C-alpha atoms as a PDB file:
ATOM      1  CA  MET A   1      -0.035   0.020  -0.295  1.00  0.00           C
ATOM      2  CA  LYS A   2       1.467   3.546  -1.084  1.00  0.00           C
ATOM      3  CA  THR A   3      -0.293   5.915   1.081  1.00  0.00           C
ATOM      4  CA  ALA A   4      -2.781   5.222   4.046  1.00  0.00           C
ATOM      5  CA  ILE A   5      -4.633   8.230   5.891  1.00  0.00           C
ATOM      6  CA  ILE A   6      -4.777   6.275   9.912  1.00  0.00           C
ATOM      7  CA  VAL A   7      -6.026   8.329  12.950  1.00  0.00           C
ATOM      8  CA  PRO A   8      -5.074   8.530  16.474  1.00  0.00           C
ATOM      9  CA  CYS A   9      -7.385   7.668  18.601  1.00  0.00           C
ATOM     10  CA  ARG A  10      -7.181   8.137  23.104  1.00  0.00           C
ATOM     11  CA  LEU A  11     -10.287   7.839  24.766  1.00  0.00           C
ATOM     12  CA  GLU A  12      -9.474   9.603  27.776  1.00  0.00           C
ATOM     13  CA  SER A  13      -7.642  13.276  27.270  1.00  0.00           C
ATOM     14  CA  GLN A  14      -6.197  15.842  30.697  1.00  0.00           C
ATOM     15  CA  ARG A  15      -7.853  18.959  28.801  1.00  0.00           C
ATOM     16  CA  PHE A  16     -11.401  17.041  28.025  1.00  0.00           C
ATOM     17  CA  PRO A  17     -12.291  13.359  29.135  1.00  0.00           C
ATOM     18  CA  ARG A  18     -13.808  10.997  26.455  1.00  0.00           C
ATOM     19  CA  LYS A  19     -14.476  13.790  23.937  1.00  0.00           C
ATOM     20  CA  LEU A  20     -13.880  11.929  20.975  1.00  0.00           C
ATOM     21  CA  LEU A  21     -17.486   9.968  23.091  1.00  0.00           C
ATOM     22  CA  TYR A  22     -19.280  13.722  23.357  1.00  0.00           C
ATOM     23  CA  PRO A  23     -22.310  13.697  21.324  1.00  0.00           C
ATOM     24  CA  ILE A  24     -22.615  16.577  19.031  1.00  0.00           C
ATOM     25  CA  LYS A  25     -26.297  16.783  17.769  1.00  0.00           C
ATOM     26  CA  GLU A  26     -26.216  12.897  19.058  1.00  0.00           C
ATOM     27  CA  LYS A  27     -23.512  11.766  16.372  1.00  0.00           C
ATOM     28  CA  ALA A  28     -20.101  11.364  18.796  1.00  0.00           C
ATOM     29  CA  LEU A  29     -17.636  13.355  17.442  1.00  0.00           C
ATOM     30  CA  VAL A  30     -14.763  10.533  16.288  1.00  0.00           C
ATOM     31  CA  LEU A  31     -17.738   9.926  14.290  1.00  0.00           C
ATOM     32  CA  TRP A  32     -17.443  12.898  12.504  1.00  0.00           C
ATOM     33  CA  THR A  33     -14.218  13.575  12.383  1.00  0.00           C
ATOM     34  CA  ALA A  34     -14.500   9.548  10.092  1.00  0.00           C
ATOM     35  CA  GLU A  35     -16.850  11.218   8.345  1.00  0.00           C
ATOM     36  CA  ARG A  36     -15.768  14.220   7.215  1.00  0.00           C
ATOM     37  CA  ILE A  37     -11.962  12.885   6.581  1.00  0.00           C
ATOM     38  CA  LYS A  38     -14.387   9.935   4.459  1.00  0.00           C
ATOM     39  CA  ALA A  39     -15.946  12.296   1.893  1.00  0.00           C
ATOM     40  CA  GLU A  40     -12.998  14.932   1.399  1.00  0.00           C
ATOM     41  CA  ALA A  41     -10.566  11.722   0.843  1.00  0.00           C
ATOM     42  CA  PRO A  42     -12.573   8.969  -0.803  1.00  0.00           C
ATOM     43  CA  ASP A  43      -9.543   8.030  -2.502  1.00  0.00           C
ATOM     44  CA  LEU A  44      -7.267   7.037   0.211  1.00  0.00           C
ATOM     45  CA  PRO A  45      -7.281   4.311   2.691  1.00  0.00           C
ATOM     46  CA  LEU A  46      -8.397   4.679   6.555  1.00  0.00           C
ATOM     47  CA  PHE A  47      -7.993   2.821   9.460  1.00  0.00           C
ATOM     48  CA  PHE A  48      -7.976   4.663  13.155  1.00  0.00           C
ATOM     49  CA  ALA A  49      -5.476   3.286  15.481  1.00  0.00           C
ATOM     50  CA  VAL A  50      -8.122   3.290  18.945  1.00  0.00           C
ATOM     51  CA  ASP A  51      -6.613   2.403  22.373  1.00  0.00           C
ATOM     52  CA  ASP A  52     -10.317   1.904  24.093  1.00  0.00           C
ATOM     53  CA  ALA A  53     -12.942  -0.740  23.329  1.00  0.00           C
ATOM     54  CA  SER A  54     -15.279   1.592  23.092  1.00  0.00           C
ATOM     55  CA  LEU A  55     -13.621   3.590  20.335  1.00  0.00           C
ATOM     56  CA  PHE A  56     -13.136   0.527  18.363  1.00  0.00           C
ATOM     57  CA  ASN A  57     -16.775  -1.319  18.592  1.00  0.00           C
ATOM     58  CA  LEU A  58     -18.341   2.417  17.371  1.00  0.00           C
ATOM     59  CA  LEU A  59     -15.814   2.026  14.728  1.00  0.00           C
ATOM     60  CA  LYS A  60     -16.312  -1.141  14.418  1.00  0.00           C
ATOM     61  CA  ASP A  61     -20.230  -0.928  13.969  1.00  0.00           C
ATOM     62  CA  SER A  62     -20.339   2.328  12.193  1.00  0.00           C
ATOM     63  CA  GLY A  63     -18.477   0.312   9.007  1.00  0.00           C
ATOM     64  CA  TYR A  64     -15.241   1.868   9.793  1.00  0.00           C
ATOM     65  CA  GLU A  65     -11.712  -0.133   9.898  1.00  0.00           C
ATOM     66  CA  PRO A  66     -10.318   0.348  13.301  1.00  0.00           C
ATOM     67  CA  ILE A  67      -7.107  -0.913  15.150  1.00  0.00           C
ATOM     68  CA  LEU A  68      -6.943  -2.331  18.566  1.00  0.00           C
ATOM     69  CA  THR A  69      -3.042  -0.974  20.366  1.00  0.00           C
ATOM     70  CA  SER A  70      -1.256   0.004  23.781  1.00  0.00           C
ATOM     71  CA  PRO A  71      -2.811   1.758  25.523  1.00  0.00           C
ATOM     72  CA  THR A  72       0.215   2.807  26.848  1.00  0.00           C
ATOM     73  CA  HIS A  73       1.478   4.810  23.790  1.00  0.00           C
ATOM     74  CA  GLN A  74       2.946   8.322  24.654  1.00  0.00           C
ATOM     75  CA  SER A  75       1.293  10.119  21.893  1.00  0.00           C
ATOM     76  CA  GLY A  76      -0.368  10.243  19.298  1.00  0.00           C
ATOM     77  CA  THR A  77       2.803   9.028  16.293  1.00  0.00           C
ATOM     78  CA  ASP A  78       4.077   6.348  18.586  1.00  0.00           C
ATOM     79  CA  ARG A  79       0.022   4.476  18.374  1.00  0.00           C
ATOM     80  CA  ILE A  80       0.562   5.116  14.916  1.00  0.00           C
ATOM     81  CA  THR A  81       3.596   3.472  14.032  1.00  0.00           C
ATOM     82  CA  GLU A  82       2.424   0.204  15.705  1.00  0.00           C
ATOM     83  CA  ALA A  83      -0.913   0.323  13.604  1.00  0.00           C
ATOM     84  CA  ASN A  84       1.186   0.279  10.398  1.00  0.00           C
ATOM     85  CA  SER A  85       3.243  -2.181  11.339  1.00  0.00           C
ATOM     86  CA  LYS A  86      -0.432  -3.278  10.351  1.00  0.00           C
ATOM     87  CA  VAL A  87      -1.284  -2.021   7.588  1.00  0.00           C
ATOM     88  CA  GLY A  88       2.145  -0.778   6.142  1.00  0.00           C
ATOM     89  CA  ALA A  89       1.737   1.525   3.647  1.00  0.00           C
ATOM     90  CA  LYS A  90       4.459   3.743   2.000  1.00  0.00           C
ATOM     91  CA  PHE A  91       3.227   7.078   3.313  1.00  0.00           C
ATOM     92  CA  VAL A  92       0.910   7.232   6.037  1.00  0.00           C
ATOM     93  CA  ILE A  93      -1.351  10.746   6.740  1.00  0.00           C
ATOM     94  CA  ASN A  94      -2.373  11.057  10.567  1.00  0.00           C
ATOM     95  CA  VAL A  95      -5.116  13.638  10.728  1.00  0.00           C
ATOM     96  CA  GLN A  96      -6.280  14.528  14.142  1.00  0.00           C
ATOM     97  CA  ALA A  97      -9.686  12.416  15.998  1.00  0.00           C
ATOM     98  CA  ASP A  98     -10.943  15.994  17.423  1.00  0.00           C
ATOM     99  CA  GLU A  99      -9.980  17.667  13.427  1.00  0.00           C
ATOM    100  CA  PRO A 100     -14.323  17.160  12.321  1.00  0.00           C
ATOM    101  CA  LEU A 101     -13.695  19.943   9.974  1.00  0.00           C
ATOM    102  CA  ILE A 102     -10.236  18.998   8.073  1.00  0.00           C
ATOM    103  CA  HIS A 103     -10.436  19.993   3.803  1.00  0.00           C
ATOM    104  CA  GLY A 104      -9.493  17.452   1.167  1.00  0.00           C
ATOM    105  CA  GLU A 105      -7.011  19.809   0.073  1.00  0.00           C
ATOM    106  CA  GLN A 106      -4.920  20.006   3.170  1.00  0.00           C
ATOM    107  CA  ILE A 107      -4.765  16.074   3.345  1.00  0.00           C
ATOM    108  CA  HIS A 108      -3.819  16.149  -0.851  1.00  0.00           C
ATOM    109  CA  GLN A 109      -1.278  18.948   0.648  1.00  0.00           C
ATOM    110  CA  LEU A 110       0.711  16.568   3.348  1.00  0.00           C
ATOM    111  CA  GLU A 111       0.571  13.916   0.469  1.00  0.00           C
ATOM    112  CA  THR A 112       2.355  15.536  -2.066  1.00  0.00           C
ATOM    113  CA  LEU A 113       4.497  16.873   0.699  1.00  0.00           C
ATOM    114  CA  ILE A 114       5.508  13.491   2.161  1.00  0.00           C
ATOM    115  CA  GLU A 115       6.800  12.268  -1.055  1.00  0.00           C
ATOM    116  CA  THR A 116       9.822  15.374  -1.097  1.00  0.00           C
ATOM    117  CA  ASP A 117      12.863  14.102   0.844  1.00  0.00           C
ATOM    118  CA  PHE A 118      11.466  15.298   4.692  1.00  0.00           C
ATOM    119  CA  ASP A 119      11.160  12.752   6.780  1.00  0.00           C
ATOM    120  CA  MET A 120       8.287  13.970   8.294  1.00  0.00           C
ATOM    121  CA  ALA A 121       5.094  16.634   7.048  1.00  0.00           C
ATOM    122  CA  THR A 122       2.521  19.459   8.610  1.00  0.00           C
ATOM    123  CA  LEU A 123       0.622  21.573   7.792  1.00  0.00           C
ATOM    124  CA  ALA A 124       0.649  26.051   9.357  1.00  0.00           C
ATOM    125  CA  THR A 125      -1.500  28.488   9.398  1.00  0.00           C
ATOM    126  CA  PRO A 126      -0.861  32.061   9.152  1.00  0.00           C
ATOM    127  CA  PHE A 127      -2.547  34.161  13.000  1.00  0.00           C
ATOM    128  CA  GLN A 128      -5.317  36.753  12.952  1.00  0.00           C
ATOM    129  CA  LYS A 129      -5.866  37.478  16.745  1.00  0.00           C
ATOM    130  CA  THR A 130      -3.734  38.383  19.040  1.00  0.00           C
ATOM    131  CA  THR A 131      -5.730  36.077  21.464  1.00  0.00           C
ATOM    132  CA  ASP A 132      -4.424  33.142  19.412  1.00  0.00           C
ATOM    133  CA  PHE A 133      -1.294  33.707  19.213  1.00  0.00           C
ATOM    134  CA  LEU A 134      -0.420  33.628  23.754  1.00  0.00           C
ATOM    135  CA  ASP A 135      -3.431  30.727  23.484  1.00  0.00           C
ATOM    136  CA  PRO A 136      -1.189  27.648  25.000  1.00  0.00           C
ATOM    137  CA  ASN A 137      -3.160  26.083  22.726  1.00  0.00           C
ATOM    138  CA  GLN A 138      -2.318  26.851  19.510  1.00  0.00           C
ATOM    139  CA  VAL A 139       0.684  25.813  19.265  1.00  0.00           C
ATOM    140  CA  LYS A 140       3.249  28.231  17.426  1.00  0.00           C
ATOM    141  CA  VAL A 141       6.027  26.816  14.058  1.00  0.00           C
ATOM    142  CA  VAL A 142       8.383  28.970  13.953  1.00  0.00           C
ATOM    143  CA  LEU A 143       9.723  27.718  10.147  1.00  0.00           C
ATOM    144  CA  ASN A 144      12.996  28.651   7.775  1.00  0.00           C
ATOM    145  CA  LYS A 145      12.670  30.040   3.549  1.00  0.00           C
ATOM    146  CA  GLN A 146      12.112  26.245   3.046  1.00  0.00           C
ATOM    147  CA  ASN A 147       9.624  25.932   5.518  1.00  0.00           C
ATOM    148  CA  LYS A 148      11.417  23.793   7.380  1.00  0.00           C
ATOM    149  CA  ALA A 149      10.203  23.769  10.720  1.00  0.00           C
ATOM    150  CA  LEU A 150      12.964  25.150  13.055  1.00  0.00           C
ATOM    151  CA  TYR A 151      10.103  25.123  16.206  1.00  0.00           C
ATOM    152  CA  PHE A 152       6.961  24.295  18.101  1.00  0.00           C
ATOM    153  CA  SER A 153       6.076  26.079  20.476  1.00  0.00           C
ATOM    154  CA  ARG A 154       2.588  26.578  23.081  1.00  0.00           C
ATOM    155  CA  SER A 155       4.031  29.493  23.832  1.00  0.00           C
ATOM    156  CA  PRO A 156       4.275  32.541  21.988  1.00  0.00           C
ATOM    157  CA  ILE A 157       7.003  32.621  19.472  1.00  0.00           C
ATOM    158  CA  PRO A 158       8.577  34.493  18.109  1.00  0.00           C
ATOM    159  CA  TYR A 159       9.132  37.266  20.373  1.00  0.00           C
ATOM    160  CA  ASN A 160       8.018  40.432  19.542  1.00  0.00           C
ATOM    161  CA  ARG A 161      10.785  42.600  21.650  1.00  0.00           C
ATOM    162  CA  ASP A 162       9.479  45.948  20.239  1.00  0.00           C
ATOM    163  CA  ALA A 163       6.003  45.425  21.536  1.00  0.00           C
ATOM    164  CA  SER A 164       7.024  43.344  24.389  1.00  0.00           C
ATOM    165  CA  GLY A 165       5.875  39.973  23.244  1.00  0.00           C
ATOM    166  CA  LYS A 166       2.910  41.547  22.800  1.00  0.00           C
ATOM    167  CA  PRO A 167       1.296  41.799  18.853  1.00  0.00           C
ATOM    168  CA  ASP A 168      -1.609  43.655  17.960  1.00  0.00           C
ATOM    169  CA  THR A 169      -3.831  41.975  14.932  1.00  0.00           C
ATOM    170  CA  GLU A 170      -1.897  44.736  12.483  1.00  0.00           C
ATOM    171  CA  TRP A 171       1.805  43.372  13.097  1.00  0.00           C
ATOM    172  CA  LEU A 172       0.098  40.061  12.869  1.00  0.00           C
ATOM    173  CA  THR A 173      -0.533  40.103   9.528  1.00  0.00           C
ATOM    174  CA  LYS A 174       1.922  41.650   8.710  1.00  0.00           C
ATOM    175  CA  ASN A 175       4.935  39.202   9.921  1.00  0.00           C
ATOM    176  CA  HIS A 176       5.005  35.424   9.737  1.00  0.00           C
ATOM    177  CA  THR A 177       3.654  34.567  11.966  1.00  0.00           C
ATOM    178  CA  TYR A 178       1.873  30.870  12.941  1.00  0.00           C
ATOM    179  CA  ARG A 179      -0.946  28.258  13.997  1.00  0.00           C
ATOM    180  CA  HIS A 180       0.171  24.942  13.860  1.00  0.00           C
ATOM    181  CA  LEU A 181      -2.800  22.416  12.307  1.00  0.00           C
ATOM    182  CA  GLY A 182      -2.387  19.224  13.950  1.00  0.00           C
ATOM    183  CA  VAL A 183      -2.132  16.957  11.027  1.00  0.00           C
ATOM    184  CA  TYR A 184       0.727  15.762   9.884  1.00  0.00           C
ATOM    185  CA  ALA A 185       2.905  12.929   7.571  1.00  0.00           C
ATOM    186  CA  TYR A 186       5.521  10.339   7.517  1.00  0.00           C
ATOM    187  CA  LYS A 187       7.967   8.018   5.954  1.00  0.00           C
ATOM    188  CA  ASP A 188       7.328   4.185   7.700  1.00  0.00           C
ATOM    189  CA  THR A 189      11.039   4.146   7.634  1.00  0.00           C
ATOM    190  CA  PHE A 190      10.826   7.266   9.941  1.00  0.00           C
ATOM    191  CA  LEU A 191       7.815   5.700  11.388  1.00  0.00           C
ATOM    192  CA  LYS A 192      10.089   2.630  12.206  1.00  0.00           C
ATOM    193  CA  ASP A 193      13.074   4.765  13.705  1.00  0.00           C
ATOM    194  CA  PHE A 194      10.319   6.853  15.746  1.00  0.00           C
ATOM    195  CA  GLY A 195       9.443   3.974  17.972  1.00  0.00           C
ATOM    196  CA  ASN A 196      12.596   2.796  18.750  1.00  0.00           C
ATOM    197  CA  LEU A 197      13.406   6.902  20.217  1.00  0.00           C
ATOM    198  CA  ILE A 198      12.869   7.356  23.996  1.00  0.00           C
ATOM    199  CA  PRO A 199      10.722  10.424  24.815  1.00  0.00           C
ATOM    200  CA  THR A 200      12.094  13.185  25.316  1.00  0.00           C
ATOM    201  CA  PHE A 201      12.857  16.823  27.065  1.00  0.00           C
ATOM    202  CA  LEU A 202      11.183  19.083  25.033  1.00  0.00           C
ATOM    203  CA  GLU A 203       8.697  17.038  24.306  1.00  0.00           C
ATOM    204  CA  GLN A 204       7.566  16.394  28.013  1.00  0.00           C
ATOM    205  CA  THR A 205       8.395  19.741  28.675  1.00  0.00           C
ATOM    206  CA  GLU A 206       6.358  20.783  26.010  1.00  0.00           C
ATOM    207  CA  LYS A 207       3.625  18.270  25.308  1.00  0.00           C
ATOM    208  CA  LEU A 208       4.151  18.415  21.264  1.00  0.00           C
ATOM    209  CA  GLU A 209       5.617  14.844  19.697  1.00  0.00           C
ATOM    210  CA  GLN A 210       6.945  16.734  16.548  1.00  0.00           C
ATOM    211  CA  LEU A 211       9.888  18.181  18.824  1.00  0.00           C
ATOM    212  CA  ARG A 212      11.116  14.830  19.111  1.00  0.00           C
ATOM    213  CA  ALA A 213      11.571  14.137  15.479  1.00  0.00           C
ATOM    214  CA  LEU A 214      13.399  17.576  15.241  1.00  0.00           C
ATOM    215  CA  GLU A 215      15.387  16.792  19.005  1.00  0.00           C
ATOM    216  CA  ASN A 216      16.958  13.611  16.968  1.00  0.00           C
ATOM    217  CA  ASN A 217      17.854  16.288  14.006  1.00  0.00           C
ATOM    218  CA  TYR A 218      14.791  14.673  11.031  1.00  0.00           C
ATOM    219  CA  SER A 219      12.944  16.858   9.006  1.00  0.00           C
ATOM    220  CA  ILE A 220       9.132  18.334   8.835  1.00  0.00           C
ATOM    221  CA  ALA A 221       8.258  19.817   6.091  1.00  0.00           C
ATOM    222  CA  VAL A 222       4.726  22.416   6.419  1.00  0.00           C
ATOM    223  CA  GLY A 223       2.645  23.822   4.020  1.00  0.00           C
ATOM    224  CA  VAL A 224       0.830  26.758   4.507  1.00  0.00           C
ATOM    225  CA  THR A 225      -2.610  26.633   4.558  1.00  0.00           C
ATOM    226  CA  HIS A 226      -5.336  29.450   4.724  1.00  0.00           C
ATOM    227  CA  LYS A 227      -7.990  27.517   4.852  1.00  0.00           C
ATOM    228  CA  PRO A 228      -7.918  26.865   9.145  1.00  0.00           C
ATOM    229  CA  THR A 229      -9.492  24.254  11.103  1.00  0.00           C
ATOM    230  CA  ILE A 230     -11.497  24.479  14.539  1.00  0.00           C
ATOM    231  CA  GLY A 231     -10.020  21.401  16.310  1.00  0.00           C
ATOM    232  CA  VAL A 232     -11.613  20.234  19.843  1.00  0.00           C
ATOM    233  CA  ASP A 233      -9.422  20.782  22.750  1.00  0.00           C
ATOM    234  CA  CYS A 234     -11.445  21.444  25.114  1.00  0.00           C
ATOM    235  CA  GLN A 235     -15.301  21.911  25.643  1.00  0.00           C
ATOM    236  CA  GLU A 236     -15.991  25.316  25.250  1.00  0.00           C
ATOM    237  CA  ASP A 237     -14.208  23.934  21.182  1.00  0.00           C
ATOM    238  CA  ILE A 238     -18.001  22.862  20.619  1.00  0.00           C
ATOM    239  CA  GLU A 239     -19.389  25.964  20.574  1.00  0.00           C
ATOM    240  CA  LYS A 240     -17.581  26.173  17.677  1.00  0.00           C
ATOM    241  CA  ILE A 241     -18.174  23.290  15.961  1.00  0.00           C
ATOM    242  CA  LEU A 242     -21.878  23.363  16.300  1.00  0.00           C
ATOM    243  CA  ALA A 243     -21.711  27.241  15.331  1.00  0.00           C
ATOM    244  CA  HIS A 244     -20.143  26.469  11.994  1.00  0.00           C
ATOM    245  CA  LEU A 245     -22.668  23.326  11.706  1.00  0.00           C
ATOM    246  CA  GLY A 246     -25.657  25.854  11.892  1.00  0.00           C
END
């Protein structure tokens, strides 16, 4: 198999426990994501790497292909690594289970990026609001001139010294400040290596698994998209999803 989508699904979440089963208009969040991916990228095989029987049964009964993985994995990438040992895809696209508004062009953008020389690929979108830029739940990424990731952080980076670290909206829109979108693509060779890497200091400090790759000198391509999605990090985000659905 050349390319597959594998969605990592962890039942428990620190900020929003059991959020993937949370009903949105009487349908679990994970099923909204599943249906969106199927509609937006019907050409790619779709699997779900789950850590709990309730998620497995829900997805299986809804016609999807779940793979039960170890509940001890520390990151979604670790979970995908185990799942792909069964799927056997050369390239793997990781769409987060709490991203029910992902766009098909973003999935295919990742597909194109991972077929280059990079070990990983991900997406980012320009910040539009200062409040978002300062929010630790919205991860920042800084890039070099070739759109290669230099660092990811929950802190507002780059730090605008002239504005005492609190830039206004005009500064944000004039400068290259990017919000990371939690979707990825990997080469299978990278996944095999990643599974043997010990979680790193920066990864554990920021709670960002992609930092394990950077700390071990793997390269991450970053595609810029102007179609930001709405991820569900906390219960307040459900209202944003409902507003979008109408």
